[in-house]
Amino acid sequence: MVYMEYYLILSAIMFFAGMYGFFTRRNTLAILISVELILNATDINFAVFNRYLFPGGMEGYFFALFSIAISAAETAVAIAIMINIYRNLKNIQVKNLNEMKW
């Protein structure tokens, strides 16, 4: 049997790797991947806490499924925004996004 702490350590590593990537990357695609890593860490927490605290319940799994659906929609919108940025500026670096203001 795998202990709950192992899953929480894995989730914490994923979360902090995502935070590090979000604050240090300058490419919008790398920032999006970092946000997805953070969201996946929360999904692991939902499933683990549901499994160990309420073994018969399904609430944590439904929260994780709902979170996955929201992150898929967020990814679709973010990629559409990145495509429009690339069409206007010919690159997707964060430092060039000031040019798209009014």
PDB file of N, CA and C in Angstrom:
ATOM      1  N   MET A   1       0.835  -1.187   0.000  1.00  0.00           N
ATOM      2  CA  MET A   1       0.000   0.000   0.000  1.00  0.00           C
ATOM      3  C   MET A   1       0.877   1.246   0.000  1.00  0.00           C
ATOM      4  N   VAL A   2       0.536   2.178  -0.838  1.00  0.00           N
ATOM      5  CA  VAL A   2       1.283   3.428  -0.934  1.00  0.00           C
ATOM      6  C   VAL A   2       0.690   4.420   0.059  1.00  0.00           C
ATOM      7  N   TYR A   3       1.563   5.047   0.813  1.00  0.00           N
ATOM      8  CA  TYR A   3       1.108   5.989   1.840  1.00  0.00           C
ATOM      9  C   TYR A   3       0.683   7.313   1.216  1.00  0.00           C
ATOM     10  N   MET A   4      -0.180   8.003   1.922  1.00  0.00           N
ATOM     11  CA  MET A   4      -0.704   9.286   1.467  1.00  0.00           C
ATOM     12  C   MET A   4       0.398  10.326   1.311  1.00  0.00           C
ATOM     13  N   GLU A   5       1.406  10.255   2.160  1.00  0.00           N
ATOM     14  CA  GLU A   5       2.482  11.236   2.126  1.00  0.00           C
ATOM     15  C   GLU A   5       3.247  11.210   0.802  1.00  0.00           C
ATOM     16  N   TYR A   6       3.372  10.031   0.197  1.00  0.00           N
ATOM     17  CA  TYR A   6       4.088   9.931  -1.077  1.00  0.00           C
ATOM     18  C   TYR A   6       3.367  10.711  -2.175  1.00  0.00           C
ATOM     19  N   TYR A   7       2.055  10.576  -2.198  1.00  0.00           N
ATOM     20  CA  TYR A   7       1.275  11.320  -3.183  1.00  0.00           C
ATOM     21  C   TYR A   7       1.351  12.824  -2.924  1.00  0.00           C
ATOM     22  N   LEU A   8       1.310  13.199  -1.652  1.00  0.00           N
ATOM     23  CA  LEU A   8       1.373  14.628  -1.335  1.00  0.00           C
ATOM     24  C   LEU A   8       2.742  15.214  -1.651  1.00  0.00           C
ATOM     25  N   ILE A   9       3.795  14.430  -1.463  1.00  0.00           N
ATOM     26  CA  ILE A   9       5.138  14.897  -1.835  1.00  0.00           C
ATOM     27  C   ILE A   9       5.236  15.071  -3.344  1.00  0.00           C
ATOM     28  N   LEU A  10       4.713  14.102  -4.095  1.00  0.00           N
ATOM     29  CA  LEU A  10       4.702  14.215  -5.553  1.00  0.00           C
ATOM     30  C   LEU A  10       3.915  15.443  -5.995  1.00  0.00           C
ATOM     31  N   SER A  11       2.766  15.665  -5.380  1.00  0.00           N
ATOM     32  CA  SER A  11       1.944  16.818  -5.713  1.00  0.00           C
ATOM     33  C   SER A  11       2.653  18.130  -5.373  1.00  0.00           C
ATOM     34  N   ALA A  12       3.333  18.176  -4.238  1.00  0.00           N
ATOM     35  CA  ALA A  12       4.066  19.390  -3.860  1.00  0.00           C
ATOM     36  C   ALA A  12       5.206  19.672  -4.826  1.00  0.00           C
ATOM     37  N   ILE A  13       5.906  18.623  -5.250  1.00  0.00           N
ATOM     38  CA  ILE A  13       6.997  18.807  -6.223  1.00  0.00           C
ATOM     39  C   ILE A  13       6.455  19.342  -7.537  1.00  0.00           C
ATOM     40  N   MET A  14       5.343  18.765  -7.987  1.00  0.00           N
ATOM     41  CA  MET A  14       4.724  19.253  -9.225  1.00  0.00           C
ATOM     42  C   MET A  14       4.260  20.693  -9.087  1.00  0.00           C
ATOM     43  N   PHE A  15       3.669  21.022  -7.939  1.00  0.00           N
ATOM     44  CA  PHE A  15       3.169  22.375  -7.729  1.00  0.00           C
ATOM     45  C   PHE A  15       4.307  23.394  -7.740  1.00  0.00           C
ATOM     46  N   PHE A  16       5.380  23.095  -7.011  1.00  0.00           N
ATOM     47  CA  PHE A  16       6.479  24.058  -6.952  1.00  0.00           C
ATOM     48  C   PHE A  16       7.272  24.119  -8.248  1.00  0.00           C
ATOM     49  N   ALA A  17       7.329  23.024  -9.005  1.00  0.00           N
ATOM     50  CA  ALA A  17       7.944  23.080 -10.335  1.00  0.00           C
ATOM     51  C   ALA A  17       7.120  23.971 -11.255  1.00  0.00           C
ATOM     52  N   GLY A  18       5.795  23.883 -11.143  1.00  0.00           N
ATOM     53  CA  GLY A  18       4.932  24.762 -11.924  1.00  0.00           C
ATOM     54  C   GLY A  18       5.064  26.217 -11.525  1.00  0.00           C
ATOM     55  N   MET A  19       5.154  26.476 -10.224  1.00  0.00           N
ATOM     56  CA  MET A  19       5.348  27.858  -9.764  1.00  0.00           C
ATOM     57  C   MET A  19       6.680  28.429 -10.255  1.00  0.00           C
ATOM     58  N   TYR A  20       7.721  27.614 -10.168  1.00  0.00           N
ATOM     59  CA  TYR A  20       9.036  28.059 -10.640  1.00  0.00           C
ATOM     60  C   TYR A  20       8.985  28.365 -12.136  1.00  0.00           C
ATOM     61  N   GLY A  21       8.380  27.484 -12.902  1.00  0.00           N
ATOM     62  CA  GLY A  21       8.275  27.713 -14.338  1.00  0.00           C
ATOM     63  C   GLY A  21       7.430  28.926 -14.677  1.00  0.00           C
ATOM     64  N   PHE A  22       6.370  29.150 -13.909  1.00  0.00           N
ATOM     65  CA  PHE A  22       5.507  30.301 -14.173  1.00  0.00           C
ATOM     66  C   PHE A  22       6.238  31.610 -13.942  1.00  0.00           C
ATOM     67  N   PHE A  23       7.047  31.680 -12.890  1.00  0.00           N
ATOM     68  CA  PHE A  23       7.716  32.940 -12.565  1.00  0.00           C
ATOM     69  C   PHE A  23       9.020  33.150 -13.318  1.00  0.00           C
ATOM     70  N   THR A  24       9.608  32.118 -13.900  1.00  0.00           N
ATOM     71  CA  THR A  24      10.910  32.288 -14.544  1.00  0.00           C
ATOM     72  C   THR A  24      10.857  32.255 -16.059  1.00  0.00           C
ATOM     73  N   ARG A  25       9.832  31.713 -16.661  1.00  0.00           N
ATOM     74  CA  ARG A  25       9.772  31.598 -18.118  1.00  0.00           C
ATOM     75  C   ARG A  25       9.292  32.890 -18.747  1.00  0.00           C
ATOM     76  N   ARG A  26       9.742  33.130 -19.959  1.00  0.00           N
ATOM     77  CA  ARG A  26       9.332  34.321 -20.697  1.00  0.00           C
ATOM     78  C   ARG A  26       8.481  33.983 -21.913  1.00  0.00           C
ATOM     79  N   ASN A  27       8.326  32.713 -22.223  1.00  0.00           N
ATOM     80  CA  ASN A  27       7.533  32.275 -23.348  1.00  0.00           C
ATOM     81  C   ASN A  27       6.126  31.940 -22.850  1.00  0.00           C
ATOM     82  N   THR A  28       5.107  32.396 -23.559  1.00  0.00           N
ATOM     83  CA  THR A  28       3.742  32.171 -23.089  1.00  0.00           C
ATOM     84  C   THR A  28       3.361  30.689 -23.119  1.00  0.00           C
ATOM     85  N   LEU A  29       3.909  29.920 -24.035  1.00  0.00           N
ATOM     86  CA  LEU A  29       3.614  28.492 -24.068  1.00  0.00           C
ATOM     87  C   LEU A  29       4.207  27.777 -22.856  1.00  0.00           C
ATOM     88  N   ALA A  30       5.422  28.157 -22.456  1.00  0.00           N
ATOM     89  CA  ALA A  30       6.034  27.567 -21.262  1.00  0.00           C
ATOM     90  C   ALA A  30       5.264  27.971 -20.002  1.00  0.00           C
ATOM     91  N   ILE A  31       4.744  29.172 -19.967  1.00  0.00           N
ATOM     92  CA  ILE A  31       3.926  29.612 -18.836  1.00  0.00           C
ATOM     93  C   ILE A  31       2.631  28.806 -18.778  1.00  0.00           C
ATOM     94  N   LEU A  32       2.029  28.542 -19.936  1.00  0.00           N
ATOM     95  CA  LEU A  32       0.817  27.726 -19.983  1.00  0.00           C
ATOM     96  C   LEU A  32       1.090  26.306 -19.483  1.00  0.00           C
ATOM     97  N   ILE A  33       2.215  25.726 -19.869  1.00  0.00           N
ATOM     98  CA  ILE A  33       2.571  24.390 -19.397  1.00  0.00           C
ATOM     99  C   ILE A  33       2.775  24.397 -17.889  1.00  0.00           C
ATOM    100  N   SER A  34       3.350  25.452 -17.354  1.00  0.00           N
ATOM    101  CA  SER A  34       3.539  25.560 -15.904  1.00  0.00           C
ATOM    102  C   SER A  34       2.205  25.655 -15.175  1.00  0.00           C
ATOM    103  N   VAL A  35       1.260  26.385 -15.725  1.00  0.00           N
ATOM    104  CA  VAL A  35      -0.067  26.477 -15.120  1.00  0.00           C
ATOM    105  C   VAL A  35      -0.752  25.112 -15.146  1.00  0.00           C
ATOM    106  N   GLU A  36      -0.596  24.378 -16.228  1.00  0.00           N
ATOM    107  CA  GLU A  36      -1.172  23.037 -16.317  1.00  0.00           C
ATOM    108  C   GLU A  36      -0.551  22.109 -15.270  1.00  0.00           C
ATOM    109  N   LEU A  37       0.729  22.264 -15.022  1.00  0.00           N
ATOM    110  CA  LEU A  37       1.395  21.456 -13.999  1.00  0.00           C
ATOM    111  C   LEU A  37       0.823  21.749 -12.617  1.00  0.00           C
ATOM    112  N   ILE A  38       0.548  23.014 -12.336  1.00  0.00           N
ATOM    113  CA  ILE A  38      -0.062  23.398 -11.065  1.00  0.00           C
ATOM    114  C   ILE A  38      -1.467  22.808 -10.945  1.00  0.00           C
ATOM    115  N   LEU A  39      -2.236  22.865 -12.015  1.00  0.00           N
ATOM    116  CA  LEU A  39      -3.585  22.316 -11.977  1.00  0.00           C
ATOM    117  C   LEU A  39      -3.573  20.800 -11.807  1.00  0.00           C
ATOM    118  N   ASN A  40      -2.623  20.119 -12.421  1.00  0.00           N
ATOM    119  CA  ASN A  40      -2.527  18.667 -12.246  1.00  0.00           C
ATOM    120  C   ASN A  40      -2.133  18.306 -10.819  1.00  0.00           C
ATOM    121  N   ALA A  41      -1.330  19.125 -10.184  1.00  0.00           N
ATOM    122  CA  ALA A  41      -0.981  18.879  -8.782  1.00  0.00           C
ATOM    123  C   ALA A  41      -2.223  18.980  -7.896  1.00  0.00           C
ATOM    124  N   THR A  42      -3.099  19.928  -8.180  1.00  0.00           N
ATOM    125  CA  THR A  42      -4.329  20.028  -7.391  1.00  0.00           C
ATOM    126  C   THR A  42      -5.259  18.854  -7.664  1.00  0.00           C
ATOM    127  N   ASP A  43      -5.275  18.361  -8.898  1.00  0.00           N
ATOM    128  CA  ASP A  43      -6.094  17.185  -9.205  1.00  0.00           C
ATOM    129  C   ASP A  43      -5.623  15.968  -8.423  1.00  0.00           C
ATOM    130  N   ILE A  44      -4.322  15.802  -8.302  1.00  0.00           N
ATOM    131  CA  ILE A  44      -3.792  14.697  -7.503  1.00  0.00           C
ATOM    132  C   ILE A  44      -4.232  14.843  -6.049  1.00  0.00           C
ATOM    133  N   ASN A  45      -4.185  16.056  -5.524  1.00  0.00           N
ATOM    134  CA  ASN A  45      -4.632  16.277  -4.144  1.00  0.00           C
ATOM    135  C   ASN A  45      -6.109  15.943  -3.960  1.00  0.00           C
ATOM    136  N   PHE A  46      -6.951  16.346  -4.916  1.00  0.00           N
ATOM    137  CA  PHE A  46      -8.371  16.006  -4.824  1.00  0.00           C
ATOM    138  C   PHE A  46      -8.573  14.499  -4.734  1.00  0.00           C
ATOM    139  N   ALA A  47      -7.910  13.771  -5.627  1.00  0.00           N
ATOM    140  CA  ALA A  47      -8.099  12.322  -5.664  1.00  0.00           C
ATOM    141  C   ALA A  47      -7.538  11.643  -4.416  1.00  0.00           C
ATOM    142  N   VAL A  48      -6.379  12.102  -3.958  1.00  0.00           N
ATOM    143  CA  VAL A  48      -5.748  11.468  -2.792  1.00  0.00           C
ATOM    144  C   VAL A  48      -6.556  11.719  -1.524  1.00  0.00           C
ATOM    145  N   PHE A  49      -6.973  12.945  -1.300  1.00  0.00           N
ATOM    146  CA  PHE A  49      -7.741  13.222  -0.094  1.00  0.00           C
ATOM    147  C   PHE A  49      -9.083  12.500  -0.112  1.00  0.00           C
ATOM    148  N   ASN A  50      -9.683  12.388  -1.279  1.00  0.00           N
ATOM    149  CA  ASN A  50     -10.925  11.634  -1.360  1.00  0.00           C
ATOM    150  C   ASN A  50     -10.682  10.159  -1.055  1.00  0.00           C
ATOM    151  N   ARG A  51      -9.617   9.607  -1.580  1.00  0.00           N
ATOM    152  CA  ARG A  51      -9.334   8.171  -1.401  1.00  0.00           C
ATOM    153  C   ARG A  51      -9.049   7.826   0.055  1.00  0.00           C
ATOM    154  N   TYR A  52      -8.291   8.675   0.735  1.00  0.00           N
ATOM    155  CA  TYR A  52      -7.888   8.350   2.095  1.00  0.00           C
ATOM    156  C   TYR A  52      -8.851   8.848   3.174  1.00  0.00           C
ATOM    157  N   LEU A  53      -9.554   9.944   2.930  1.00  0.00           N
ATOM    158  CA  LEU A  53     -10.458  10.471   3.950  1.00  0.00           C
ATOM    159  C   LEU A  53     -11.877   9.920   3.816  1.00  0.00           C
ATOM    160  N   PHE A  54     -12.323   9.756   2.573  1.00  0.00           N
ATOM    161  CA  PHE A  54     -13.676   9.253   2.316  1.00  0.00           C
ATOM    162  C   PHE A  54     -13.597   8.133   1.279  1.00  0.00           C
ATOM    163  N   PRO A  55     -13.198   6.934   1.688  1.00  0.00           N
ATOM    164  CA  PRO A  55     -12.976   5.858   0.707  1.00  0.00           C
ATOM    165  C   PRO A  55     -14.216   5.478  -0.101  1.00  0.00           C
ATOM    166  N   GLY A  56     -15.385   5.627   0.460  1.00  0.00           N
ATOM    167  CA  GLY A  56     -16.596   5.254  -0.255  1.00  0.00           C
ATOM    168  C   GLY A  56     -17.163   6.373  -1.111  1.00  0.00           C
ATOM    169  N   GLY A  57     -16.711   7.593  -0.904  1.00  0.00           N
ATOM    170  CA  GLY A  57     -17.255   8.744  -1.615  1.00  0.00           C
ATOM    171  C   GLY A  57     -16.558   8.988  -2.938  1.00  0.00           C
ATOM    172  N   MET A  58     -17.240   9.736  -3.783  1.00  0.00           N
ATOM    173  CA  MET A  58     -16.698  10.044  -5.097  1.00  0.00           C
ATOM    174  C   MET A  58     -16.516  11.547  -5.314  1.00  0.00           C
ATOM    175  N   GLU A  59     -16.676  12.350  -4.265  1.00  0.00           N
ATOM    176  CA  GLU A  59     -16.644  13.797  -4.438  1.00  0.00           C
ATOM    177  C   GLU A  59     -15.301  14.293  -4.958  1.00  0.00           C
ATOM    178  N   GLY A  60     -14.217  13.787  -4.410  1.00  0.00           N
ATOM    179  CA  GLY A  60     -12.892  14.221  -4.839  1.00  0.00           C
ATOM    180  C   GLY A  60     -12.613  13.904  -6.284  1.00  0.00           C
ATOM    181  N   TYR A  61     -13.109  12.750  -6.732  1.00  0.00           N
ATOM    182  CA  TYR A  61     -12.913  12.375  -8.131  1.00  0.00           C
ATOM    183  C   TYR A  61     -13.728  13.272  -9.059  1.00  0.00           C
ATOM    184  N   PHE A  62     -14.932  13.641  -8.622  1.00  0.00           N
ATOM    185  CA  PHE A  62     -15.730  14.547  -9.431  1.00  0.00           C
ATOM    186  C   PHE A  62     -15.114  15.941  -9.478  1.00  0.00           C
ATOM    187  N   PHE A  63     -14.544  16.393  -8.359  1.00  0.00           N
ATOM    188  CA  PHE A  63     -13.837  17.671  -8.370  1.00  0.00           C
ATOM    189  C   PHE A  63     -12.645  17.613  -9.313  1.00  0.00           C
ATOM    190  N   ALA A  64     -11.903  16.515  -9.294  1.00  0.00           N
ATOM    191  CA  ALA A  64     -10.761  16.365 -10.185  1.00  0.00           C
ATOM    192  C   ALA A  64     -11.204  16.341 -11.642  1.00  0.00           C
ATOM    193  N   LEU A  65     -12.291  15.640 -11.939  1.00  0.00           N
ATOM    194  CA  LEU A  65     -12.806  15.592 -13.301  1.00  0.00           C
ATOM    195  C   LEU A  65     -13.278  16.966 -13.755  1.00  0.00           C
ATOM    196  N   PHE A  66     -13.955  17.690 -12.881  1.00  0.00           N
ATOM    197  CA  PHE A  66     -14.390  19.049 -13.190  1.00  0.00           C
ATOM    198  C   PHE A  66     -13.185  19.956 -13.417  1.00  0.00           C
ATOM    199  N   SER A  67     -12.152  19.806 -12.611  1.00  0.00           N
ATOM    200  CA  SER A  67     -10.947  20.611 -12.765  1.00  0.00           C
ATOM    201  C   SER A  67     -10.227  20.297 -14.078  1.00  0.00           C
ATOM    202  N   ILE A  68     -10.215  19.045 -14.473  1.00  0.00           N
ATOM    203  CA  ILE A  68      -9.601  18.674 -15.749  1.00  0.00           C
ATOM    204  C   ILE A  68     -10.371  19.299 -16.909  1.00  0.00           C
ATOM    205  N   ALA A  69     -11.695  19.306 -16.828  1.00  0.00           N
ATOM    206  CA  ALA A  69     -12.506  19.920 -17.880  1.00  0.00           C
ATOM    207  C   ALA A  69     -12.256  21.421 -17.955  1.00  0.00           C
ATOM    208  N   ILE A  70     -12.155  22.065 -16.814  1.00  0.00           N
ATOM    209  CA  ILE A  70     -11.883  23.503 -16.802  1.00  0.00           C
ATOM    210  C   ILE A  70     -10.491  23.798 -17.349  1.00  0.00           C
ATOM    211  N   SER A  71      -9.505  22.979 -16.997  1.00  0.00           N
ATOM    212  CA  SER A  71      -8.150  23.223 -17.506  1.00  0.00           C
ATOM    213  C   SER A  71      -8.071  22.978 -19.006  1.00  0.00           C
ATOM    214  N   ALA A  72      -8.872  22.053 -19.541  1.00  0.00           N
ATOM    215  CA  ALA A  72      -8.906  21.849 -20.997  1.00  0.00           C
ATOM    216  C   ALA A  72      -9.491  23.075 -21.694  1.00  0.00           C
ATOM    217  N   ALA A  73     -10.557  23.635 -21.127  1.00  0.00           N
ATOM    218  CA  ALA A  73     -11.140  24.849 -21.705  1.00  0.00           C
ATOM    219  C   ALA A  73     -10.179  26.026 -21.592  1.00  0.00           C
ATOM    220  N   GLU A  74      -9.489  26.128 -20.467  1.00  0.00           N
ATOM    221  CA  GLU A  74      -8.503  27.198 -20.277  1.00  0.00           C
ATOM    222  C   GLU A  74      -7.366  27.069 -21.271  1.00  0.00           C
ATOM    223  N   THR A  75      -6.943  25.849 -21.555  1.00  0.00           N
ATOM    224  CA  THR A  75      -5.873  25.628 -22.520  1.00  0.00           C
ATOM    225  C   THR A  75      -6.314  26.018 -23.925  1.00  0.00           C
ATOM    226  N   ALA A  76      -7.539  25.677 -24.285  1.00  0.00           N
ATOM    227  CA  ALA A  76      -8.035  26.039 -25.613  1.00  0.00           C
ATOM    228  C   ALA A  76      -8.087  27.552 -25.794  1.00  0.00           C
ATOM    229  N   VAL A  77      -8.561  28.254 -24.783  1.00  0.00           N
ATOM    230  CA  VAL A  77      -8.617  29.719 -24.858  1.00  0.00           C
ATOM    231  C   VAL A  77      -7.212  30.310 -24.897  1.00  0.00           C
ATOM    232  N   ALA A  78      -6.315  29.788 -24.080  1.00  0.00           N
ATOM    233  CA  ALA A  78      -4.946  30.318 -24.045  1.00  0.00           C
ATOM    234  C   ALA A  78      -4.228  30.085 -25.371  1.00  0.00           C
ATOM    235  N   ILE A  79      -4.418  28.934 -25.978  1.00  0.00           N
ATOM    236  CA  ILE A  79      -3.774  28.679 -27.271  1.00  0.00           C
ATOM    237  C   ILE A  79      -4.368  29.575 -28.351  1.00  0.00           C
ATOM    238  N   ALA A  80      -5.670  29.833 -28.306  1.00  0.00           N
ATOM    239  CA  ALA A  80      -6.267  30.761 -29.262  1.00  0.00           C
ATOM    240  C   ALA A  80      -5.697  32.171 -29.089  1.00  0.00           C
ATOM    241  N   ILE A  81      -5.500  32.580 -27.857  1.00  0.00           N
ATOM    242  CA  ILE A  81      -4.889  33.894 -27.604  1.00  0.00           C
ATOM    243  C   ILE A  81      -3.455  33.919 -28.114  1.00  0.00           C
ATOM    244  N   MET A  82      -2.709  32.832 -27.896  1.00  0.00           N
ATOM    245  CA  MET A  82      -1.328  32.782 -28.376  1.00  0.00           C
ATOM    246  C   MET A  82      -1.259  32.815 -29.896  1.00  0.00           C
ATOM    247  N   ILE A  83      -2.196  32.190 -30.567  1.00  0.00           N
ATOM    248  CA  ILE A  83      -2.218  32.234 -32.034  1.00  0.00           C
ATOM    249  C   ILE A  83      -2.456  33.654 -32.512  1.00  0.00           C
ATOM    250  N   ASN A  84      -3.370  34.375 -31.866  1.00  0.00           N
ATOM    251  CA  ASN A  84      -3.603  35.771 -32.248  1.00  0.00           C
ATOM    252  C   ASN A  84      -2.402  36.649 -31.954  1.00  0.00           C
ATOM    253  N   ILE A  85      -1.725  36.401 -30.853  1.00  0.00           N
ATOM    254  CA  ILE A  85      -0.507  37.159 -30.546  1.00  0.00           C
ATOM    255  C   ILE A  85       0.548  36.893 -31.606  1.00  0.00           C
ATOM    256  N   TYR A  86       0.698  35.637 -31.997  1.00  0.00           N
ATOM    257  CA  TYR A  86       1.709  35.298 -33.006  1.00  0.00           C
ATOM    258  C   TYR A  86       1.372  35.930 -34.354  1.00  0.00           C
ATOM    259  N   ARG A  87       0.104  35.981 -34.700  1.00  0.00           N
ATOM    260  CA  ARG A  87      -0.281  36.605 -35.972  1.00  0.00           C
ATOM    261  C   ARG A  87       0.033  38.097 -35.990  1.00  0.00           C
ATOM    262  N   ASN A  88      -0.101  38.752 -34.843  1.00  0.00           N
ATOM    263  CA  ASN A  88       0.149  40.193 -34.791  1.00  0.00           C
ATOM    264  C   ASN A  88       1.615  40.540 -34.596  1.00  0.00           C
ATOM    265  N   LEU A  89       2.325  39.806 -33.743  1.00  0.00           N
ATOM    266  CA  LEU A  89       3.681  40.192 -33.356  1.00  0.00           C
ATOM    267  C   LEU A  89       4.768  39.277 -33.903  1.00  0.00           C
ATOM    268  N   LYS A  90       4.405  38.125 -34.452  1.00  0.00           N
ATOM    269  CA  LYS A  90       5.340  37.132 -35.005  1.00  0.00           C
ATOM    270  C   LYS A  90       6.216  36.458 -33.955  1.00  0.00           C
ATOM    271  N   ASN A  91       5.901  36.583 -32.691  1.00  0.00           N
ATOM    272  CA  ASN A  91       6.512  35.788 -31.619  1.00  0.00           C
ATOM    273  C   ASN A  91       5.569  35.794 -30.419  1.00  0.00           C
ATOM    274  N   ILE A  92       5.836  34.904 -29.456  1.00  0.00           N
ATOM    275  CA  ILE A  92       4.935  34.784 -28.312  1.00  0.00           C
ATOM    276  C   ILE A  92       5.677  35.033 -26.994  1.00  0.00           C
ATOM    277  N   GLN A  93       6.650  35.903 -27.022  1.00  0.00           N
ATOM    278  CA  GLN A  93       7.381  36.249 -25.809  1.00  0.00           C
ATOM    279  C   GLN A  93       6.557  37.237 -24.979  1.00  0.00           C
ATOM    280  N   VAL A  94       6.648  37.096 -23.675  1.00  0.00           N
ATOM    281  CA  VAL A  94       5.859  37.928 -22.771  1.00  0.00           C
ATOM    282  C   VAL A  94       6.296  39.393 -22.840  1.00  0.00           C
ATOM    283  N   LYS A  95       7.574  39.640 -23.063  1.00  0.00           N
ATOM    284  CA  LYS A  95       8.065  41.026 -23.061  1.00  0.00           C
ATOM    285  C   LYS A  95       7.481  41.861 -24.196  1.00  0.00           C
ATOM    286  N   ASN A  96       6.992  41.232 -25.252  1.00  0.00           N
ATOM    287  CA  ASN A  96       6.431  41.969 -26.383  1.00  0.00           C
ATOM    288  C   ASN A  96       4.930  42.201 -26.265  1.00  0.00           C
ATOM    289  N   LEU A  97       4.315  41.766 -25.198  1.00  0.00           N
ATOM    290  CA  LEU A  97       2.860  41.909 -25.078  1.00  0.00           C
ATOM    291  C   LEU A  97       2.429  43.332 -24.746  1.00  0.00           C
ATOM    292  N   ASN A  98       3.328  44.215 -24.377  1.00  0.00           N
ATOM    293  CA  ASN A  98       2.971  45.615 -24.141  1.00  0.00           C
ATOM    294  C   ASN A  98       2.564  46.307 -25.420  1.00  0.00           C
ATOM    295  N   GLU A  99       3.008  45.779 -26.567  1.00  0.00           N
ATOM    296  CA  GLU A  99       2.658  46.388 -27.849  1.00  0.00           C
ATOM    297  C   GLU A  99       1.206  46.178 -28.215  1.00  0.00           C
ATOM    298  N   MET A 100       0.521  45.244 -27.582  1.00  0.00           N
ATOM    299  CA  MET A 100      -0.865  44.948 -27.941  1.00  0.00           C
ATOM    300  C   MET A 100      -1.868  45.737 -27.112  1.00  0.00           C
ATOM    301  N   LYS A 101      -1.401  46.666 -26.307  1.00  0.00           N
ATOM    302  CA  LYS A 101      -2.336  47.487 -25.549  1.00  0.00           C
ATOM    303  C   LYS A 101      -3.043  48.440 -26.497  1.00  0.00           C
ATOM    304  N   TRP A 102      -4.112  49.059 -26.036  1.00  0.00           N
ATOM    305  CA  TRP A 102      -4.950  49.942 -26.816  1.00  0.00           C
ATOM    306  C   TRP A 102      -4.097  50.770 -27.708  1.00  0.00           C
TER     307      TRP A 102
END
